[in-house]
Amino acid sequence: QHRFCAGCIQSALRNPDGASFPISCPHPGEAGMCGNRVVWRDLLSLCRGGVLEKVKRIALDVFLREHGGEARYCPKPGCNHVLRPPSACSLEEEKRVGGVLVLCELCDVGYCIQCTERLKEPCLQHPGSTC
């Protein structure tokens, strides 16, 4: 649609924060700012140093905050592996596997997500008992 100043976008990306996602074009238009989203291909060519990693982390944080039912971080402090949501299970299945289970492939640990959320700390699966 229009060209934009790479330096302006790079300047805006130096200190990205969650409030600025999705990243939009700051080019002025008739009705204010353009607002078109900056696409991944442009980010790859514009981001310098560790900025791309920071942008990816913040974008993932925003996604997980807005779509909590679709994915979540591993509850182990420092892991930050993204986990699939638990599948629905019966009370009998919950007792057999030890809670409402999510598995972290990176930690190789199963967590009871229901107890983790209730207790506000990582809770390992607890076979033989329900939450």
N, C-alpha and C. Protein backbone atom coordinates (compact mmCIF):
# COMPACT_ATOMS: atom_id res chain seq x y z
N GLN A 1 0.82 -1.19 0.00
CA GLN A 1 0.00 0.00 0.00
C GLN A 1 0.86 1.25 0.00
N HIS A 2 1.82 1.35 0.91
CA HIS A 2 2.73 2.49 0.96
C HIS A 2 4.03 2.05 1.60
N ARG A 3 5.04 2.82 1.38
CA ARG A 3 6.34 2.55 2.01
C ARG A 3 6.33 3.17 3.39
N PHE A 4 7.13 2.62 4.25
CA PHE A 4 7.29 3.24 5.57
C PHE A 4 8.77 3.30 5.88
N CYS A 5 9.11 4.15 6.80
CA CYS A 5 10.49 4.35 7.18
C CYS A 5 10.94 3.19 8.07
N ALA A 6 11.91 2.42 7.58
CA ALA A 6 12.41 1.28 8.36
C ALA A 6 12.94 1.74 9.71
N GLY A 7 13.61 2.89 9.73
CA GLY A 7 14.14 3.42 10.98
C GLY A 7 13.05 3.70 12.00
N CYS A 8 11.89 4.20 11.53
CA CYS A 8 10.77 4.48 12.45
C CYS A 8 10.24 3.18 13.06
N ILE A 9 10.08 2.16 12.22
CA ILE A 9 9.59 0.87 12.74
C ILE A 9 10.63 0.27 13.69
N GLN A 10 11.90 0.31 13.32
CA GLN A 10 12.95 -0.23 14.18
C GLN A 10 12.99 0.50 15.52
N SER A 11 12.79 1.80 15.48
CA SER A 11 12.77 2.58 16.72
C SER A 11 11.60 2.14 17.60
N ALA A 12 10.45 1.93 16.99
CA ALA A 12 9.27 1.50 17.75
C ALA A 12 9.46 0.10 18.32
N LEU A 13 10.26 -0.73 17.65
CA LEU A 13 10.46 -2.11 18.09
C LEU A 13 11.57 -2.26 19.13
N ARG A 14 12.36 -1.23 19.35
CA ARG A 14 13.47 -1.36 20.32
C ARG A 14 12.98 -1.74 21.70
N ASN A 15 11.88 -1.17 22.11
CA ASN A 15 11.31 -1.48 23.42
C ASN A 15 9.83 -1.84 23.27
N PRO A 16 9.54 -2.97 22.60
CA PRO A 16 8.14 -3.34 22.42
C PRO A 16 7.51 -3.72 23.75
N ASP A 17 6.24 -3.51 23.87
CA ASP A 17 5.54 -3.94 25.08
C ASP A 17 4.22 -4.58 24.67
N GLY A 18 3.60 -5.28 25.58
CA GLY A 18 2.37 -6.02 25.29
C GLY A 18 1.23 -5.14 24.82
N ALA A 19 1.25 -3.86 25.18
CA ALA A 19 0.16 -2.96 24.80
C ALA A 19 0.21 -2.61 23.31
N SER A 20 1.35 -2.87 22.66
CA SER A 20 1.48 -2.48 21.26
C SER A 20 1.30 -3.64 20.28
N PHE A 21 0.71 -4.71 20.72
CA PHE A 21 0.51 -5.87 19.85
C PHE A 21 -0.94 -6.00 19.48
N PRO A 22 -1.25 -6.37 18.25
CA PRO A 22 -0.31 -6.64 17.17
C PRO A 22 0.38 -5.36 16.73
N ILE A 23 1.57 -5.51 16.19
CA ILE A 23 2.35 -4.36 15.74
C ILE A 23 1.71 -3.81 14.48
N SER A 24 1.42 -2.52 14.48
CA SER A 24 0.73 -1.89 13.36
C SER A 24 1.59 -0.81 12.72
N CYS A 25 1.32 -0.55 11.46
CA CYS A 25 2.05 0.47 10.71
C CYS A 25 1.71 1.85 11.28
N PRO A 26 2.74 2.64 11.59
CA PRO A 26 2.49 3.97 12.15
C PRO A 26 2.35 5.07 11.09
N HIS A 27 2.29 4.69 9.80
CA HIS A 27 2.21 5.68 8.73
C HIS A 27 0.93 6.50 8.87
N PRO A 28 1.06 7.83 8.86
CA PRO A 28 -0.15 8.66 8.98
C PRO A 28 -1.01 8.56 7.72
N GLY A 29 -2.31 8.56 7.94
CA GLY A 29 -3.25 8.51 6.83
C GLY A 29 -4.33 9.55 7.02
N GLU A 30 -5.33 9.53 6.16
CA GLU A 30 -6.40 10.52 6.22
C GLU A 30 -7.21 10.40 7.51
N ALA A 31 -7.41 9.20 7.96
CA ALA A 31 -8.23 8.98 9.16
C ALA A 31 -7.37 8.57 10.35
N GLY A 32 -6.18 9.15 10.49
CA GLY A 32 -5.29 8.79 11.58
C GLY A 32 -4.16 7.92 11.07
N MET A 33 -3.75 6.97 11.89
CA MET A 33 -2.66 6.08 11.49
C MET A 33 -3.18 5.00 10.54
N CYS A 34 -2.29 4.49 9.70
CA CYS A 34 -2.64 3.43 8.75
C CYS A 34 -3.24 2.24 9.49
N GLY A 35 -2.50 1.72 10.47
CA GLY A 35 -3.01 0.63 11.30
C GLY A 35 -2.88 -0.76 10.72
N ASN A 36 -2.41 -0.91 9.45
CA ASN A 36 -2.21 -2.26 8.91
C ASN A 36 -1.18 -2.98 9.76
N ARG A 37 -1.39 -4.27 9.96
CA ARG A 37 -0.45 -5.04 10.77
C ARG A 37 0.86 -5.23 10.03
N VAL A 38 1.96 -5.13 10.78
CA VAL A 38 3.28 -5.41 10.23
C VAL A 38 3.41 -6.93 10.18
N VAL A 39 3.72 -7.47 9.02
CA VAL A 39 3.76 -8.92 8.85
C VAL A 39 5.11 -9.49 9.27
N TRP A 40 5.12 -10.80 9.53
CA TRP A 40 6.31 -11.48 10.03
C TRP A 40 7.52 -11.27 9.12
N ARG A 41 7.31 -11.34 7.81
CA ARG A 41 8.40 -11.16 6.84
C ARG A 41 9.08 -9.81 7.06
N ASP A 42 8.28 -8.76 7.30
CA ASP A 42 8.86 -7.43 7.56
C ASP A 42 9.60 -7.40 8.89
N LEU A 43 9.04 -8.06 9.91
CA LEU A 43 9.72 -8.10 11.21
C LEU A 43 11.08 -8.77 11.10
N LEU A 44 11.15 -9.85 10.31
CA LEU A 44 12.43 -10.55 10.13
C LEU A 44 13.50 -9.64 9.54
N SER A 45 13.09 -8.77 8.63
CA SER A 45 14.08 -7.90 8.01
C SER A 45 14.36 -6.64 8.83
N LEU A 46 13.44 -6.27 9.72
CA LEU A 46 13.58 -5.01 10.46
C LEU A 46 14.20 -5.16 11.84
N CYS A 47 13.99 -6.28 12.49
CA CYS A 47 14.45 -6.44 13.87
C CYS A 47 15.94 -6.74 13.92
N ARG A 48 16.63 -6.10 14.82
CA ARG A 48 18.07 -6.26 14.99
C ARG A 48 18.37 -6.87 16.36
N GLY A 49 19.45 -7.63 16.42
CA GLY A 49 19.90 -8.18 17.70
C GLY A 49 18.86 -9.08 18.34
N GLY A 50 18.67 -8.91 19.63
CA GLY A 50 17.73 -9.73 20.38
C GLY A 50 16.30 -9.25 20.32
N VAL A 51 16.04 -8.22 19.50
CA VAL A 51 14.69 -7.64 19.45
C VAL A 51 13.68 -8.64 18.92
N LEU A 52 14.05 -9.43 17.89
CA LEU A 52 13.11 -10.39 17.32
C LEU A 52 12.67 -11.41 18.37
N GLU A 53 13.61 -11.91 19.17
CA GLU A 53 13.26 -12.85 20.24
C GLU A 53 12.30 -12.21 21.23
N LYS A 54 12.56 -10.96 21.57
CA LYS A 54 11.69 -10.25 22.51
C LYS A 54 10.30 -10.06 21.91
N VAL A 55 10.24 -9.70 20.63
CA VAL A 55 8.95 -9.52 19.95
C VAL A 55 8.19 -10.85 19.93
N LYS A 56 8.89 -11.96 19.63
CA LYS A 56 8.24 -13.28 19.61
C LYS A 56 7.70 -13.64 20.99
N ARG A 57 8.50 -13.39 22.04
CA ARG A 57 8.06 -13.73 23.40
C ARG A 57 6.83 -12.92 23.79
N ILE A 58 6.85 -11.63 23.51
CA ILE A 58 5.73 -10.78 23.87
C ILE A 58 4.48 -11.16 23.07
N ALA A 59 4.66 -11.45 21.78
CA ALA A 59 3.53 -11.86 20.95
C ALA A 59 2.91 -13.16 21.49
N LEU A 60 3.76 -14.10 21.90
CA LEU A 60 3.26 -15.35 22.48
C LEU A 60 2.54 -15.09 23.80
N ASP A 61 3.09 -14.22 24.65
CA ASP A 61 2.43 -13.87 25.91
C ASP A 61 1.04 -13.29 25.66
N VAL A 62 0.95 -12.40 24.69
CA VAL A 62 -0.35 -11.79 24.35
C VAL A 62 -1.30 -12.86 23.85
N PHE A 63 -0.83 -13.74 22.97
CA PHE A 63 -1.69 -14.81 22.45
C PHE A 63 -2.21 -15.70 23.58
N LEU A 64 -1.31 -16.13 24.47
CA LEU A 64 -1.73 -17.02 25.56
C LEU A 64 -2.69 -16.33 26.52
N ARG A 65 -2.49 -15.05 26.74
CA ARG A 65 -3.39 -14.30 27.62
C ARG A 65 -4.78 -14.20 26.98
N GLU A 66 -4.83 -14.01 25.67
CA GLU A 66 -6.11 -13.84 24.98
C GLU A 66 -6.77 -15.17 24.61
N HIS A 67 -6.02 -16.26 24.56
CA HIS A 67 -6.53 -17.57 24.14
C HIS A 67 -6.13 -18.64 25.15
N GLY A 68 -6.40 -18.40 26.43
CA GLY A 68 -5.96 -19.29 27.49
C GLY A 68 -6.43 -20.72 27.36
N GLY A 69 -7.59 -20.93 26.73
CA GLY A 69 -8.11 -22.29 26.58
C GLY A 69 -7.41 -23.09 25.51
N GLU A 70 -6.65 -22.43 24.65
CA GLU A 70 -5.99 -23.11 23.54
C GLU A 70 -4.58 -23.58 23.86
N ALA A 71 -3.93 -22.91 24.79
CA ALA A 71 -2.56 -23.27 25.17
C ALA A 71 -2.21 -22.55 26.46
N ARG A 72 -1.15 -23.01 27.11
CA ARG A 72 -0.69 -22.39 28.36
C ARG A 72 0.78 -22.70 28.54
N TYR A 73 1.43 -21.91 29.40
CA TYR A 73 2.82 -22.19 29.73
C TYR A 73 2.88 -23.33 30.74
N CYS A 74 3.99 -24.05 30.73
CA CYS A 74 4.25 -25.06 31.76
C CYS A 74 4.28 -24.35 33.11
N PRO A 75 3.68 -24.95 34.14
CA PRO A 75 3.66 -24.28 35.44
C PRO A 75 5.00 -24.28 36.19
N LYS A 76 5.97 -25.06 35.74
CA LYS A 76 7.26 -25.09 36.42
C LYS A 76 7.98 -23.76 36.21
N PRO A 77 8.38 -23.09 37.28
CA PRO A 77 9.08 -21.81 37.13
C PRO A 77 10.32 -21.94 36.24
N GLY A 78 10.42 -21.05 35.26
CA GLY A 78 11.56 -21.03 34.37
C GLY A 78 11.45 -21.92 33.16
N CYS A 79 10.45 -22.79 33.09
CA CYS A 79 10.35 -23.70 31.95
C CYS A 79 9.84 -22.95 30.71
N ASN A 80 8.70 -22.31 30.81
CA ASN A 80 8.10 -21.53 29.72
C ASN A 80 7.79 -22.32 28.46
N HIS A 81 7.72 -23.64 28.55
CA HIS A 81 7.30 -24.46 27.42
C HIS A 81 5.79 -24.30 27.26
N VAL A 82 5.31 -24.20 26.03
CA VAL A 82 3.87 -24.04 25.79
C VAL A 82 3.23 -25.42 25.74
N LEU A 83 2.15 -25.57 26.50
CA LEU A 83 1.46 -26.86 26.63
C LEU A 83 0.08 -26.82 25.99
N ARG A 84 -0.34 -27.95 25.50
CA ARG A 84 -1.71 -28.09 25.02
C ARG A 84 -2.64 -28.12 26.22
N PRO A 85 -3.88 -27.68 26.02
CA PRO A 85 -4.83 -27.72 27.14
C PRO A 85 -5.19 -29.17 27.47
N PRO A 86 -5.62 -29.40 28.71
CA PRO A 86 -6.00 -30.77 29.07
C PRO A 86 -7.27 -31.17 28.34
N SER A 87 -7.38 -32.44 28.02
CA SER A 87 -8.61 -32.93 27.41
C SER A 87 -9.61 -33.27 28.52
N ALA A 88 -10.87 -33.17 28.17
CA ALA A 88 -11.92 -33.47 29.16
C ALA A 88 -11.84 -34.95 29.53
N CYS A 89 -12.05 -35.22 30.81
CA CYS A 89 -12.02 -36.61 31.25
C CYS A 89 -13.08 -36.84 32.31
N SER A 90 -13.42 -38.10 32.50
CA SER A 90 -14.40 -38.46 33.51
C SER A 90 -13.75 -38.42 34.89
N LEU A 91 -14.57 -38.47 35.93
CA LEU A 91 -14.06 -38.48 37.29
C LEU A 91 -13.19 -39.72 37.52
N GLU A 92 -13.60 -40.84 36.93
CA GLU A 92 -12.83 -42.08 37.06
C GLU A 92 -11.46 -41.94 36.38
N GLU A 93 -11.45 -41.35 35.20
CA GLU A 93 -10.18 -41.12 34.49
C GLU A 93 -9.30 -40.14 35.26
N GLU A 94 -9.91 -39.08 35.81
CA GLU A 94 -9.17 -38.10 36.60
C GLU A 94 -8.47 -38.77 37.77
N LYS A 95 -9.16 -39.69 38.44
CA LYS A 95 -8.58 -40.38 39.59
C LYS A 95 -7.45 -41.30 39.14
N ARG A 96 -7.66 -41.99 38.00
CA ARG A 96 -6.66 -42.93 37.51
C ARG A 96 -5.36 -42.23 37.13
N VAL A 97 -5.45 -41.10 36.39
CA VAL A 97 -4.22 -40.43 35.92
C VAL A 97 -3.68 -39.43 36.93
N GLY A 98 -4.51 -39.02 37.87
CA GLY A 98 -4.02 -38.12 38.92
C GLY A 98 -4.32 -36.66 38.68
N GLY A 99 -5.57 -36.36 38.36
CA GLY A 99 -5.98 -34.97 38.21
C GLY A 99 -6.32 -34.63 36.78
N VAL A 100 -6.53 -33.34 36.54
CA VAL A 100 -6.76 -32.83 35.20
C VAL A 100 -5.38 -32.57 34.61
N LEU A 101 -4.92 -33.49 33.81
CA LEU A 101 -3.51 -33.63 33.49
C LEU A 101 -3.06 -32.85 32.26
N VAL A 102 -1.95 -32.14 32.39
CA VAL A 102 -1.20 -31.59 31.25
C VAL A 102 0.21 -32.14 31.37
N LEU A 103 0.78 -32.48 30.23
CA LEU A 103 2.13 -33.04 30.21
C LEU A 103 3.09 -32.04 29.58
N CYS A 104 4.21 -31.82 30.23
CA CYS A 104 5.26 -30.97 29.66
C CYS A 104 6.33 -31.90 29.09
N GLU A 105 6.46 -31.86 27.76
CA GLU A 105 7.45 -32.71 27.09
C GLU A 105 8.87 -32.29 27.45
N LEU A 106 9.07 -31.00 27.71
CA LEU A 106 10.39 -30.49 28.03
C LEU A 106 10.85 -30.94 29.43
N CYS A 107 9.94 -30.80 30.42
CA CYS A 107 10.25 -31.21 31.79
C CYS A 107 10.08 -32.72 31.98
N ASP A 108 9.31 -33.33 31.07
CA ASP A 108 8.93 -34.74 31.18
C ASP A 108 8.19 -34.99 32.49
N VAL A 109 7.25 -34.08 32.79
CA VAL A 109 6.48 -34.14 34.03
C VAL A 109 5.01 -33.90 33.72
N GLY A 110 4.14 -34.60 34.46
CA GLY A 110 2.70 -34.37 34.35
C GLY A 110 2.23 -33.51 35.51
N TYR A 111 1.45 -32.49 35.19
CA TYR A 111 0.91 -31.59 36.21
C TYR A 111 -0.60 -31.66 36.23
N CYS A 112 -1.18 -31.55 37.42
CA CYS A 112 -2.63 -31.42 37.54
C CYS A 112 -2.92 -29.93 37.41
N ILE A 113 -3.49 -29.54 36.30
CA ILE A 113 -3.69 -28.13 36.04
C ILE A 113 -4.77 -27.54 36.93
N GLN A 114 -5.76 -28.34 37.29
CA GLN A 114 -6.82 -27.85 38.18
C GLN A 114 -6.26 -27.50 39.56
N CYS A 115 -5.45 -28.38 40.13
CA CYS A 115 -4.83 -28.11 41.43
C CYS A 115 -3.80 -26.98 41.33
N THR A 116 -3.05 -26.95 40.22
CA THR A 116 -2.06 -25.90 40.01
C THR A 116 -2.73 -24.53 40.01
N GLU A 117 -3.87 -24.40 39.32
CA GLU A 117 -4.57 -23.12 39.28
C GLU A 117 -5.17 -22.77 40.64
N ARG A 118 -5.71 -23.76 41.32
CA ARG A 118 -6.33 -23.52 42.63
C ARG A 118 -5.30 -23.13 43.68
N LEU A 119 -4.16 -23.82 43.69
CA LEU A 119 -3.13 -23.59 44.70
C LEU A 119 -2.13 -22.48 44.31
N LYS A 120 -2.19 -22.05 43.05
CA LYS A 120 -1.30 -21.00 42.54
C LYS A 120 0.18 -21.39 42.61
N GLU A 121 0.44 -22.69 42.46
CA GLU A 121 1.81 -23.22 42.39
C GLU A 121 1.76 -24.54 41.65
N PRO A 122 2.87 -24.97 41.04
CA PRO A 122 2.87 -26.23 40.30
C PRO A 122 2.48 -27.40 41.18
N CYS A 123 1.54 -28.20 40.70
CA CYS A 123 1.09 -29.37 41.44
C CYS A 123 1.21 -30.59 40.52
N LEU A 124 2.02 -31.54 40.94
CA LEU A 124 2.22 -32.74 40.15
C LEU A 124 0.95 -33.56 40.11
N GLN A 125 0.86 -34.39 39.08
CA GLN A 125 -0.30 -35.28 39.01
C GLN A 125 -0.33 -36.14 40.25
N HIS A 126 -1.54 -36.58 40.63
CA HIS A 126 -1.70 -37.34 41.87
C HIS A 126 -2.54 -38.58 41.62
N PRO A 127 -1.90 -39.63 41.03
CA PRO A 127 -2.63 -40.86 40.70
C PRO A 127 -3.31 -41.46 41.92
N GLY A 128 -4.51 -41.93 41.69
CA GLY A 128 -5.28 -42.57 42.76
C GLY A 128 -6.21 -41.64 43.51
N SER A 129 -6.14 -40.33 43.25
CA SER A 129 -7.06 -39.42 43.92
C SER A 129 -7.51 -38.34 42.95
N THR A 130 -8.68 -37.81 43.22
CA THR A 130 -9.22 -36.72 42.38
C THR A 130 -8.86 -35.39 43.04
N CYS A 131 -9.16 -34.34 42.34
CA CYS A 131 -8.87 -33.00 42.87
C CYS A 131 -9.83 -32.69 44.00
